[in-house]
Amino acid sequence: MSISAFTYRIAALLRRSAITPRTGIELPRRMFLAIVAAGIAGASPAIAQDREQVKLVFEHALPNVEGKRIAAVLVSYPPGSKSLPHRHAASAFIYAYVLSGAIRSQVGDDPAQVFRTGEGFYETPGSHHRVSENASDTEAASLLAVFVVDSKDGALTIPDKDAAPK
């Protein structure tokens, strides 16, 4: 199984309950993610280089906005890498800030744009993120994506069905 197929299978599992079928014991989400990360870390670097690496760096319920949470995700793009076309949780409002390098992004039917270190963009709920990639084949790039999302929403990112590896 390729690393991309493995990642999408794990994402599907995360959208479901973290209760193990054999024991009925619920794994703490962080433990489950650590297990997943360990599996991904063992993948071949050549395979992993064509995709972004995503790390949840912060998540918390918004105490003054009932039913909402904030999550911050660090997205690292090796040279020439990209994300598959995707949508985010239906309720998600996202602000993305480029930390390093240059990111090419196309949201909805707007033209693709390149955002450089210190620049940012946003996505409204329901947006289709058609292009998200490193604009350079030689330099790494990274961004911080901050989500405001309904607490009940599970996965923050949902790849297009026709874009997911088979």
Protein backbone atom coordinates (compact mmCIF):
# COMPACT_ATOMS: atom_id res chain seq x y z
CA MET A 1 0.00 0.00 0.00
CA SER A 2 1.41 3.42 -0.90
CA ILE A 3 1.88 6.08 1.78
CA SER A 4 -0.89 8.16 0.19
CA ALA A 5 -3.37 5.28 0.29
CA PHE A 6 -2.30 4.55 3.89
CA THR A 7 -2.85 8.20 4.85
CA TYR A 8 -6.35 8.29 3.36
CA ARG A 9 -7.30 5.03 5.05
CA ILE A 10 -6.16 6.48 8.38
CA ALA A 11 -8.10 9.71 7.71
CA ALA A 12 -11.22 7.62 7.12
CA LEU A 13 -10.63 5.85 10.44
CA LEU A 14 -10.23 9.18 12.21
CA ARG A 15 -13.61 10.29 10.88
CA ARG A 16 -15.10 7.27 12.60
CA SER A 17 -14.92 6.42 16.27
CA ALA A 18 -11.53 5.76 17.83
CA ILE A 19 -13.01 2.70 19.58
CA THR A 20 -11.18 -0.47 18.68
CA PRO A 21 -13.53 -3.13 17.28
CA ARG A 22 -12.08 -6.09 19.22
CA THR A 23 -11.84 -4.56 22.68
CA GLY A 24 -14.34 -1.70 22.61
CA ILE A 25 -11.68 0.43 24.31
CA GLU A 26 -11.45 4.01 23.11
CA LEU A 27 -7.92 5.10 22.23
CA PRO A 28 -7.08 8.67 23.21
CA ARG A 29 -6.92 10.64 19.95
CA ARG A 30 -3.32 11.74 20.58
CA MET A 31 -2.22 8.15 21.15
CA PHE A 32 -3.97 7.05 17.97
CA LEU A 33 -2.32 9.89 16.03
CA ALA A 34 1.08 8.96 17.50
CA ILE A 35 0.61 5.39 16.27
CA VAL A 36 -0.35 6.69 12.82
CA ALA A 37 2.64 9.06 12.75
CA ALA A 38 4.97 6.21 13.66
CA GLY A 39 3.60 4.18 10.75
CA ILE A 40 4.03 7.07 8.36
CA ALA A 41 7.57 7.79 9.60
CA GLY A 42 8.60 4.31 8.51
CA ALA A 43 7.58 5.04 4.91
CA SER A 44 10.11 5.49 2.17
CA PRO A 45 11.34 9.12 1.95
CA ALA A 46 11.06 8.99 -1.84
CA ILE A 47 7.35 8.27 -1.58
CA ALA A 48 6.70 10.85 1.14
CA GLN A 49 8.39 13.71 -0.74
CA ASP A 50 5.59 14.23 -3.26
CA ARG A 51 3.04 15.13 -0.55
CA GLU A 52 2.77 17.67 2.19
CA GLN A 53 3.28 16.80 5.85
CA VAL A 54 0.51 17.94 8.22
CA LYS A 55 0.85 18.33 11.99
CA LEU A 56 -1.88 19.44 14.38
CA VAL A 57 -0.13 21.94 16.67
CA PHE A 58 -3.08 23.34 18.66
CA GLU A 59 -6.73 22.52 19.29
CA HIS A 60 -9.11 23.97 21.87
CA ALA A 61 -12.81 24.60 22.40
CA LEU A 62 -13.68 28.29 22.13
CA PRO A 63 -14.96 29.11 25.62
CA ASN A 64 -16.91 32.17 24.49
CA VAL A 65 -18.46 30.57 21.37
CA GLU A 66 -20.48 27.50 22.29
CA GLY A 67 -20.14 24.60 19.86
CA LYS A 68 -17.00 25.95 18.16
CA ARG A 69 -13.33 25.02 18.39
CA ILE A 70 -10.11 26.42 17.00
CA ALA A 71 -7.40 24.23 15.52
CA ALA A 72 -4.01 25.17 14.12
CA VAL A 73 -2.25 22.93 11.63
CA LEU A 74 1.35 23.21 10.41
CA VAL A 75 1.59 22.18 6.75
CA SER A 76 5.13 21.54 5.47
CA TYR A 77 5.82 21.17 1.76
CA PRO A 78 9.11 19.64 0.63
CA PRO A 79 10.39 21.07 -2.68
CA GLY A 80 7.92 20.34 -5.50
CA SER A 81 5.31 18.72 -3.24
CA LYS A 82 1.58 19.36 -3.15
CA SER A 83 -1.71 18.50 -1.50
CA LEU A 84 -4.45 16.65 -3.31
CA PRO A 85 -7.53 18.74 -4.18
CA HIS A 86 -9.76 18.84 -1.10
CA ARG A 87 -12.47 20.48 0.95
CA HIS A 88 -12.46 21.16 4.64
CA ALA A 89 -15.06 20.44 7.31
CA ALA A 90 -18.33 22.03 6.16
CA SER A 91 -18.29 24.63 8.95
CA ALA A 92 -14.59 25.53 8.66
CA PHE A 93 -13.40 29.09 8.23
CA ILE A 94 -9.64 28.98 7.63
CA TYR A 95 -6.89 31.57 7.70
CA ALA A 96 -3.57 30.38 6.25
CA TYR A 97 -0.31 32.24 6.93
CA VAL A 98 2.86 31.38 4.97
CA LEU A 99 5.73 30.79 7.39
CA SER A 100 8.44 30.02 4.84
CA GLY A 101 8.91 29.74 1.09
CA ALA A 102 6.11 30.25 -1.42
CA ILE A 103 2.76 28.46 -1.65
CA ARG A 104 0.61 28.31 -4.79
CA SER A 105 -3.08 28.17 -3.90
CA GLN A 106 -6.34 28.09 -5.81
CA VAL A 107 -9.62 28.17 -3.92
CA GLY A 108 -12.87 27.70 -5.84
CA ASP A 109 -12.94 29.26 -9.28
CA ASP A 110 -10.56 32.10 -8.35
CA PRO A 111 -7.26 32.14 -10.25
CA ALA A 112 -4.26 30.44 -8.62
CA GLN A 113 -2.05 32.81 -6.63
CA VAL A 114 1.40 32.51 -5.09
CA PHE A 115 1.72 33.59 -1.45
CA ARG A 116 5.16 34.21 0.00
CA THR A 117 6.55 34.28 3.55
CA GLY A 118 4.50 36.68 5.67
CA GLU A 119 1.44 36.65 3.38
CA GLY A 120 -1.85 34.93 4.03
CA PHE A 121 -5.22 33.97 2.59
CA TYR A 122 -8.53 32.64 3.84
CA GLU A 123 -11.10 30.04 2.87
CA THR A 124 -14.80 30.36 3.64
CA PRO A 125 -16.94 27.39 4.73
CA GLY A 126 -17.62 24.99 1.86
CA SER A 127 -14.71 26.21 -0.30
CA HIS A 128 -13.03 23.82 -2.70
CA HIS A 129 -9.23 23.98 -2.43
CA ARG A 130 -8.24 22.94 -5.95
CA VAL A 131 -4.50 23.71 -5.71
CA SER A 132 -2.24 23.83 -2.67
CA GLU A 133 1.42 23.26 -3.43
CA ASN A 134 4.97 24.41 -2.98
CA ALA A 135 5.67 26.98 -5.70
CA SER A 136 9.35 25.94 -5.74
CA ASP A 137 11.04 22.74 -6.90
CA THR A 138 14.19 23.56 -4.89
CA GLU A 139 13.09 25.24 -1.61
CA ALA A 140 10.85 23.91 1.16
CA ALA A 141 7.74 25.88 2.17
CA SER A 142 5.37 25.85 5.13
CA LEU A 143 2.18 27.46 6.33
CA LEU A 144 0.10 27.64 9.46
CA ALA A 145 -3.62 27.03 8.85
CA VAL A 146 -5.95 28.20 11.61
CA PHE A 147 -9.43 26.66 11.56
CA VAL A 148 -12.57 27.88 13.34
CA VAL A 149 -14.91 24.92 13.09
CA ASP A 150 -17.95 23.31 14.70
CA SER A 151 -16.92 21.13 17.63
CA LYS A 152 -18.91 18.20 16.19
CA ASP A 153 -17.00 18.21 12.88
CA GLY A 154 -14.43 15.40 12.74
CA ALA A 155 -11.86 15.54 9.95
CA LEU A 156 -10.54 18.99 9.12
CA THR A 157 -9.58 18.02 5.55
CA ILE A 158 -11.46 15.75 3.15
CA PRO A 159 -9.71 14.87 -0.14
CA ASP A 160 -11.75 14.85 -3.35
CA LYS A 161 -13.02 11.32 -3.99
CA ASP A 162 -11.56 11.27 -7.52
CA ALA A 163 -8.18 12.58 -6.25
CA ALA A 164 -7.57 9.96 -3.56
CA PRO A 165 -5.10 7.20 -4.49
CA LYS A 166 -6.63 3.86 -5.36
